[in-house]
Structure formats: structure tokens, C-alpha cells
Amino acid sequence: MTKVIHSDFLTVAEAMTSAFSTIENNQAWDLMPSLVPELAFCFHMLQRELNLHCIELEYEKSQ
């Protein structure tokens, strides 16, 4: 699966995971509302990237 995902998305995913872990470890829950929209945007972009990859695969099969 990691071959499909652009390395920038993996970097962002790792950063978001680290941020949420830090918030949890430090009990800094007041920071969470500012990160939720960023996480939603990351999921949206990842879904878009995966959809484009699937379209490319289908196009290659039809050639």
C-alpha cells in the first residue's frame, strides 16, 4: 500500500500521528480542536490521491 501513497502524504500522516500522541501524552486537550480540521483535510487529500491512483490503474488495464 505504501507504494501507492505519495511520500508527502506519509510524512503528513506521521506528523499528525505524532501531534495527536503528544497532545494525549501531555494532556493538552485544548489543542485538539485546532488539529481536527487539519486531519480532515489530510484524509480528504489522501482519498483524492487514492482515487486518482485507482483511475490510473483502470486506464492502464484498458490499454
PDB file of N, CA and C in Angstrom:
ATOM      1  N   MET A   1       0.823  -1.202   0.000  1.00  0.00           N
ATOM      2  CA  MET A   1       0.000   0.000   0.000  1.00  0.00           C
ATOM      3  C   MET A   1       0.861   1.257   0.000  1.00  0.00           C
ATOM      4  N   THR A   2       2.009   1.233   0.637  1.00  0.00           N
ATOM      5  CA  THR A   2       2.824   2.431   0.692  1.00  0.00           C
ATOM      6  C   THR A   2       3.371   2.816  -0.673  1.00  0.00           C
ATOM      7  N   LYS A   3       3.416   1.872  -1.618  1.00  0.00           N
ATOM      8  CA  LYS A   3       3.852   2.206  -2.971  1.00  0.00           C
ATOM      9  C   LYS A   3       2.837   3.117  -3.654  1.00  0.00           C
ATOM     10  N   VAL A   4       1.582   3.024  -3.250  1.00  0.00           N
ATOM     11  CA  VAL A   4       0.503   3.798  -3.845  1.00  0.00           C
ATOM     12  C   VAL A   4       0.508   5.228  -3.319  1.00  0.00           C
ATOM     13  N   ILE A   5       0.847   5.410  -2.056  1.00  0.00           N
ATOM     14  CA  ILE A   5       0.715   6.698  -1.400  1.00  0.00           C
ATOM     15  C   ILE A   5       1.977   7.528  -1.625  1.00  0.00           C
ATOM     16  N   HIS A   6       1.772   8.737  -2.074  1.00  0.00           N
ATOM     17  CA  HIS A   6       2.882   9.655  -2.295  1.00  0.00           C
ATOM     18  C   HIS A   6       3.603   9.900  -0.972  1.00  0.00           C
ATOM     19  N   SER A   7       4.905  10.018  -1.015  1.00  0.00           N
ATOM     20  CA  SER A   7       5.699  10.138   0.214  1.00  0.00           C
ATOM     21  C   SER A   7       5.318  11.365   1.035  1.00  0.00           C
ATOM     22  N   ASP A   8       4.848  12.428   0.382  1.00  0.00           N
ATOM     23  CA  ASP A   8       4.418  13.610   1.138  1.00  0.00           C
ATOM     24  C   ASP A   8       3.245  13.284   2.051  1.00  0.00           C
ATOM     25  N   PHE A   9       2.344  12.435   1.589  1.00  0.00           N
ATOM     26  CA  PHE A   9       1.196  12.068   2.406  1.00  0.00           C
ATOM     27  C   PHE A   9       1.618  11.229   3.598  1.00  0.00           C
ATOM     28  N   LEU A  10       2.603  10.372   3.400  1.00  0.00           N
ATOM     29  CA  LEU A  10       3.109   9.585   4.521  1.00  0.00           C
ATOM     30  C   LEU A  10       3.770  10.481   5.554  1.00  0.00           C
ATOM     31  N   THR A  11       4.492  11.480   5.100  1.00  0.00           N
ATOM     32  CA  THR A  11       5.129  12.433   6.006  1.00  0.00           C
ATOM     33  C   THR A  11       4.083  13.180   6.823  1.00  0.00           C
ATOM     34  N   VAL A  12       3.035  13.631   6.157  1.00  0.00           N
ATOM     35  CA  VAL A  12       1.960  14.347   6.853  1.00  0.00           C
ATOM     36  C   VAL A  12       1.262  13.420   7.846  1.00  0.00           C
ATOM     37  N   ALA A  13       1.004  12.190   7.443  1.00  0.00           N
ATOM     38  CA  ALA A  13       0.341  11.239   8.339  1.00  0.00           C
ATOM     39  C   ALA A  13       1.183  10.975   9.587  1.00  0.00           C
ATOM     40  N   GLU A  14       2.473  10.828   9.399  1.00  0.00           N
ATOM     41  CA  GLU A  14       3.359  10.611  10.547  1.00  0.00           C
ATOM     42  C   GLU A  14       3.377  11.831  11.460  1.00  0.00           C
ATOM     43  N   ALA A  15       3.384  13.021  10.873  1.00  0.00           N
ATOM     44  CA  ALA A  15       3.384  14.247  11.670  1.00  0.00           C
ATOM     45  C   ALA A  15       2.086  14.393  12.458  1.00  0.00           C
ATOM     46  N   MET A  16       0.958  14.093  11.814  1.00  0.00           N
ATOM     47  CA  MET A  16      -0.330  14.190  12.506  1.00  0.00           C
ATOM     48  C   MET A  16      -0.414  13.169  13.633  1.00  0.00           C
ATOM     49  N   THR A  17       0.057  11.960  13.385  1.00  0.00           N
ATOM     50  CA  THR A  17       0.060  10.933  14.422  1.00  0.00           C
ATOM     51  C   THR A  17       0.911  11.368  15.600  1.00  0.00           C
ATOM     52  N   SER A  18       2.051  11.931  15.314  1.00  0.00           N
ATOM     53  CA  SER A  18       2.940  12.422  16.363  1.00  0.00           C
ATOM     54  C   SER A  18       2.278  13.547  17.151  1.00  0.00           C
ATOM     55  N   ALA A  19       1.614  14.454  16.451  1.00  0.00           N
ATOM     56  CA  ALA A  19       0.945  15.575  17.126  1.00  0.00           C
ATOM     57  C   ALA A  19      -0.146  15.074  18.061  1.00  0.00           C
ATOM     58  N   PHE A  20      -0.961  14.126  17.595  1.00  0.00           N
ATOM     59  CA  PHE A  20      -2.025  13.600  18.449  1.00  0.00           C
ATOM     60  C   PHE A  20      -1.457  12.839  19.647  1.00  0.00           C
ATOM     61  N   SER A  21      -0.371  12.117  19.443  1.00  0.00           N
ATOM     62  CA  SER A  21       0.271  11.401  20.554  1.00  0.00           C
ATOM     63  C   SER A  21       0.817  12.376  21.588  1.00  0.00           C
ATOM     64  N   THR A  22       1.414  13.455  21.106  1.00  0.00           N
ATOM     65  CA  THR A  22       1.954  14.464  22.018  1.00  0.00           C
ATOM     66  C   THR A  22       0.842  15.125  22.817  1.00  0.00           C
ATOM     67  N   ILE A  23      -0.255  15.442  22.145  1.00  0.00           N
ATOM     68  CA  ILE A  23      -1.406  16.035  22.840  1.00  0.00           C
ATOM     69  C   ILE A  23      -1.900  15.085  23.922  1.00  0.00           C
ATOM     70  N   GLU A  24      -2.027  13.806  23.579  1.00  0.00           N
ATOM     71  CA  GLU A  24      -2.506  12.832  24.552  1.00  0.00           C
ATOM     72  C   GLU A  24      -1.527  12.685  25.709  1.00  0.00           C
ATOM     73  N   ASN A  25      -0.243  12.567  25.425  1.00  0.00           N
ATOM     74  CA  ASN A  25       0.764  12.378  26.476  1.00  0.00           C
ATOM     75  C   ASN A  25       0.851  13.569  27.418  1.00  0.00           C
ATOM     76  N   ASN A  26       0.657  14.781  26.879  1.00  0.00           N
ATOM     77  CA  ASN A  26       0.760  15.995  27.696  1.00  0.00           C
ATOM     78  C   ASN A  26      -0.582  16.474  28.229  1.00  0.00           C
ATOM     79  N   GLN A  27      -1.635  15.711  27.910  1.00  0.00           N
ATOM     80  CA  GLN A  27      -2.989  16.087  28.338  1.00  0.00           C
ATOM     81  C   GLN A  27      -3.329  17.522  27.908  1.00  0.00           C
ATOM     82  N   ALA A  28      -2.924  17.889  26.708  1.00  0.00           N
ATOM     83  CA  ALA A  28      -3.159  19.231  26.176  1.00  0.00           C
ATOM     84  C   ALA A  28      -4.380  19.214  25.262  1.00  0.00           C
ATOM     85  N   TRP A  29      -5.500  18.805  25.821  1.00  0.00           N
ATOM     86  CA  TRP A  29      -6.705  18.602  25.026  1.00  0.00           C
ATOM     87  C   TRP A  29      -7.226  19.883  24.387  1.00  0.00           C
ATOM     88  N   ASP A  30      -6.854  21.049  24.916  1.00  0.00           N
ATOM     89  CA  ASP A  30      -7.322  22.310  24.337  1.00  0.00           C
ATOM     90  C   ASP A  30      -6.748  22.552  22.940  1.00  0.00           C
ATOM     91  N   LEU A  31      -5.696  21.828  22.572  1.00  0.00           N
ATOM     92  CA  LEU A  31      -5.121  21.951  21.229  1.00  0.00           C
ATOM     93  C   LEU A  31      -5.854  21.098  20.191  1.00  0.00           C
ATOM     94  N   MET A  32      -6.620  20.143  20.652  1.00  0.00           N
ATOM     95  CA  MET A  32      -7.271  19.202  19.739  1.00  0.00           C
ATOM     96  C   MET A  32      -8.207  19.864  18.730  1.00  0.00           C
ATOM     97  N   PRO A  33      -9.056  20.815  19.128  1.00  0.00           N
ATOM     98  CA  PRO A  33      -9.968  21.399  18.121  1.00  0.00           C
ATOM     99  C   PRO A  33      -9.257  22.043  16.942  1.00  0.00           C
ATOM    100  N   SER A  34      -8.066  22.551  17.133  1.00  0.00           N
ATOM    101  CA  SER A  34      -7.367  23.177  16.011  1.00  0.00           C
ATOM    102  C   SER A  34      -6.775  22.133  15.062  1.00  0.00           C
ATOM    103  N   LEU A  35      -6.553  20.917  15.535  1.00  0.00           N
ATOM    104  CA  LEU A  35      -5.971  19.880  14.683  1.00  0.00           C
ATOM    105  C   LEU A  35      -7.012  19.056  13.924  1.00  0.00           C
ATOM    106  N   VAL A  36      -8.230  19.018  14.413  1.00  0.00           N
ATOM    107  CA  VAL A  36      -9.248  18.195  13.760  1.00  0.00           C
ATOM    108  C   VAL A  36      -9.502  18.633  12.313  1.00  0.00           C
ATOM    109  N   PRO A  37      -9.653  19.941  12.027  1.00  0.00           N
ATOM    110  CA  PRO A  37      -9.822  20.329  10.615  1.00  0.00           C
ATOM    111  C   PRO A  37      -8.616  19.953   9.747  1.00  0.00           C
ATOM    112  N   GLU A  38      -7.421  20.053  10.297  1.00  0.00           N
ATOM    113  CA  GLU A  38      -6.226  19.673   9.544  1.00  0.00           C
ATOM    114  C   GLU A  38      -6.242  18.179   9.226  1.00  0.00           C
ATOM    115  N   LEU A  39      -6.661  17.376  10.199  1.00  0.00           N
ATOM    116  CA  LEU A  39      -6.744  15.936   9.977  1.00  0.00           C
ATOM    117  C   LEU A  39      -7.787  15.616   8.908  1.00  0.00           C
ATOM    118  N   ALA A  40      -8.919  16.291   8.960  1.00  0.00           N
ATOM    119  CA  ALA A  40      -9.964  16.081   7.951  1.00  0.00           C
ATOM    120  C   ALA A  40      -9.448  16.426   6.557  1.00  0.00           C
ATOM    121  N   PHE A  41      -8.696  17.507   6.452  1.00  0.00           N
ATOM    122  CA  PHE A  41      -8.126  17.894   5.160  1.00  0.00           C
ATOM    123  C   PHE A  41      -7.132  16.840   4.668  1.00  0.00           C
ATOM    124  N   CYS A  42      -6.337  16.315   5.587  1.00  0.00           N
ATOM    125  CA  CYS A  42      -5.378  15.259   5.217  1.00  0.00           C
ATOM    126  C   CYS A  42      -6.102  14.026   4.683  1.00  0.00           C
ATOM    127  N   PHE A  43      -7.181  13.633   5.359  1.00  0.00           N
ATOM    128  CA  PHE A  43      -7.955  12.477   4.883  1.00  0.00           C
ATOM    129  C   PHE A  43      -8.554  12.748   3.508  1.00  0.00           C
ATOM    130  N   HIS A  44      -9.037  13.952   3.306  1.00  0.00           N
ATOM    131  CA  HIS A  44      -9.619  14.321   2.015  1.00  0.00           C
ATOM    132  C   HIS A  44      -8.575  14.214   0.896  1.00  0.00           C
ATOM    133  N   MET A  45      -7.392  14.747   1.142  1.00  0.00           N
ATOM    134  CA  MET A  45      -6.342  14.711   0.132  1.00  0.00           C
ATOM    135  C   MET A  45      -5.850  13.283  -0.117  1.00  0.00           C
ATOM    136  N   LEU A  46      -5.768  12.487   0.927  1.00  0.00           N
ATOM    137  CA  LEU A  46      -5.362  11.100   0.768  1.00  0.00           C
ATOM    138  C   LEU A  46      -6.390  10.324  -0.052  1.00  0.00           C
ATOM    139  N   GLN A  47      -7.671  10.562   0.224  1.00  0.00           N
ATOM    140  CA  GLN A  47      -8.717   9.900  -0.544  1.00  0.00           C
ATOM    141  C   GLN A  47      -8.625  10.302  -2.020  1.00  0.00           C
ATOM    142  N   ARG A  48      -8.366  11.561  -2.272  1.00  0.00           N
ATOM    143  CA  ARG A  48      -8.237  12.041  -3.642  1.00  0.00           C
ATOM    144  C   ARG A  48      -7.059  11.357  -4.343  1.00  0.00           C
ATOM    145  N   GLU A  49      -5.944  11.255  -3.645  1.00  0.00           N
ATOM    146  CA  GLU A  49      -4.755  10.613  -4.205  1.00  0.00           C
ATOM    147  C   GLU A  49      -5.031   9.144  -4.524  1.00  0.00           C
ATOM    148  N   LEU A  50      -5.706   8.456  -3.631  1.00  0.00           N
ATOM    149  CA  LEU A  50      -6.018   7.046  -3.859  1.00  0.00           C
ATOM    150  C   LEU A  50      -7.004   6.875  -5.014  1.00  0.00           C
ATOM    151  N   ASN A  51      -7.970   7.766  -5.116  1.00  0.00           N
ATOM    152  CA  ASN A  51      -8.915   7.712  -6.231  1.00  0.00           C
ATOM    153  C   ASN A  51      -8.199   7.910  -7.566  1.00  0.00           C
ATOM    154  N   LEU A  52      -7.288   8.863  -7.609  1.00  0.00           N
ATOM    155  CA  LEU A  52      -6.524   9.095  -8.844  1.00  0.00           C
ATOM    156  C   LEU A  52      -5.687   7.873  -9.198  1.00  0.00           C
ATOM    157  N   HIS A  53      -5.120   7.241  -8.203  1.00  0.00           N
ATOM    158  CA  HIS A  53      -4.329   6.040  -8.452  1.00  0.00           C
ATOM    159  C   HIS A  53      -5.204   4.927  -9.032  1.00  0.00           C
ATOM    160  N   CYS A  54      -6.389   4.754  -8.480  1.00  0.00           N
ATOM    161  CA  CYS A  54      -7.307   3.721  -8.989  1.00  0.00           C
ATOM    162  C   CYS A  54      -7.712   4.011 -10.430  1.00  0.00           C
ATOM    163  N   ILE A  55      -7.949   5.263 -10.744  1.00  0.00           N
ATOM    164  CA  ILE A  55      -8.292   5.642 -12.112  1.00  0.00           C
ATOM    165  C   ILE A  55      -7.134   5.328 -13.054  1.00  0.00           C
ATOM    166  N   GLU A  56      -5.914   5.641 -12.619  1.00  0.00           N
ATOM    167  CA  GLU A  56      -4.736   5.335 -13.442  1.00  0.00           C
ATOM    168  C   GLU A  56      -4.605   3.831 -13.682  1.00  0.00           C
ATOM    169  N   LEU A  57      -4.843   3.028 -12.656  1.00  0.00           N
ATOM    170  CA  LEU A  57      -4.771   1.574 -12.814  1.00  0.00           C
ATOM    171  C   LEU A  57      -5.801   1.069 -13.810  1.00  0.00           C
ATOM    172  N   GLU A  58      -7.027   1.572 -13.719  1.00  0.00           N
ATOM    173  CA  GLU A  58      -8.075   1.176 -14.659  1.00  0.00           C
ATOM    174  C   GLU A  58      -7.739   1.597 -16.079  1.00  0.00           C
ATOM    175  N   TYR A  59      -7.162   2.780 -16.229  1.00  0.00           N
ATOM    176  CA  TYR A  59      -6.773   3.250 -17.545  1.00  0.00           C
ATOM    177  C   TYR A  59      -5.686   2.358 -18.135  1.00  0.00           C
ATOM    178  N   GLU A  60      -4.711   1.981 -17.319  1.00  0.00           N
ATOM    179  CA  GLU A  60      -3.634   1.096 -17.789  1.00  0.00           C
ATOM    180  C   GLU A  60      -4.173  -0.269 -18.201  1.00  0.00           C
ATOM    181  N   LYS A  61      -5.159  -0.785 -17.472  1.00  0.00           N
ATOM    182  CA  LYS A  61      -5.743  -2.082 -17.808  1.00  0.00           C
ATOM    183  C   LYS A  61      -6.463  -2.029 -19.155  1.00  0.00           C
ATOM    184  N   SER A  62      -7.077  -0.890 -19.452  1.00  0.00           N
ATOM    185  CA  SER A  62      -7.852  -0.791 -20.680  1.00  0.00           C
ATOM    186  C   SER A  62      -6.975  -0.561 -21.916  1.00  0.00           C
ATOM    187  N   GLN A  63      -5.727  -0.276 -21.732  1.00  0.00           N
ATOM    188  CA  GLN A  63      -4.819  -0.030 -22.865  1.00  0.00           C
ATOM    189  C   GLN A  63      -4.396  -1.311 -23.523  1.00  0.00           C
TER     190      GLN A  63
END
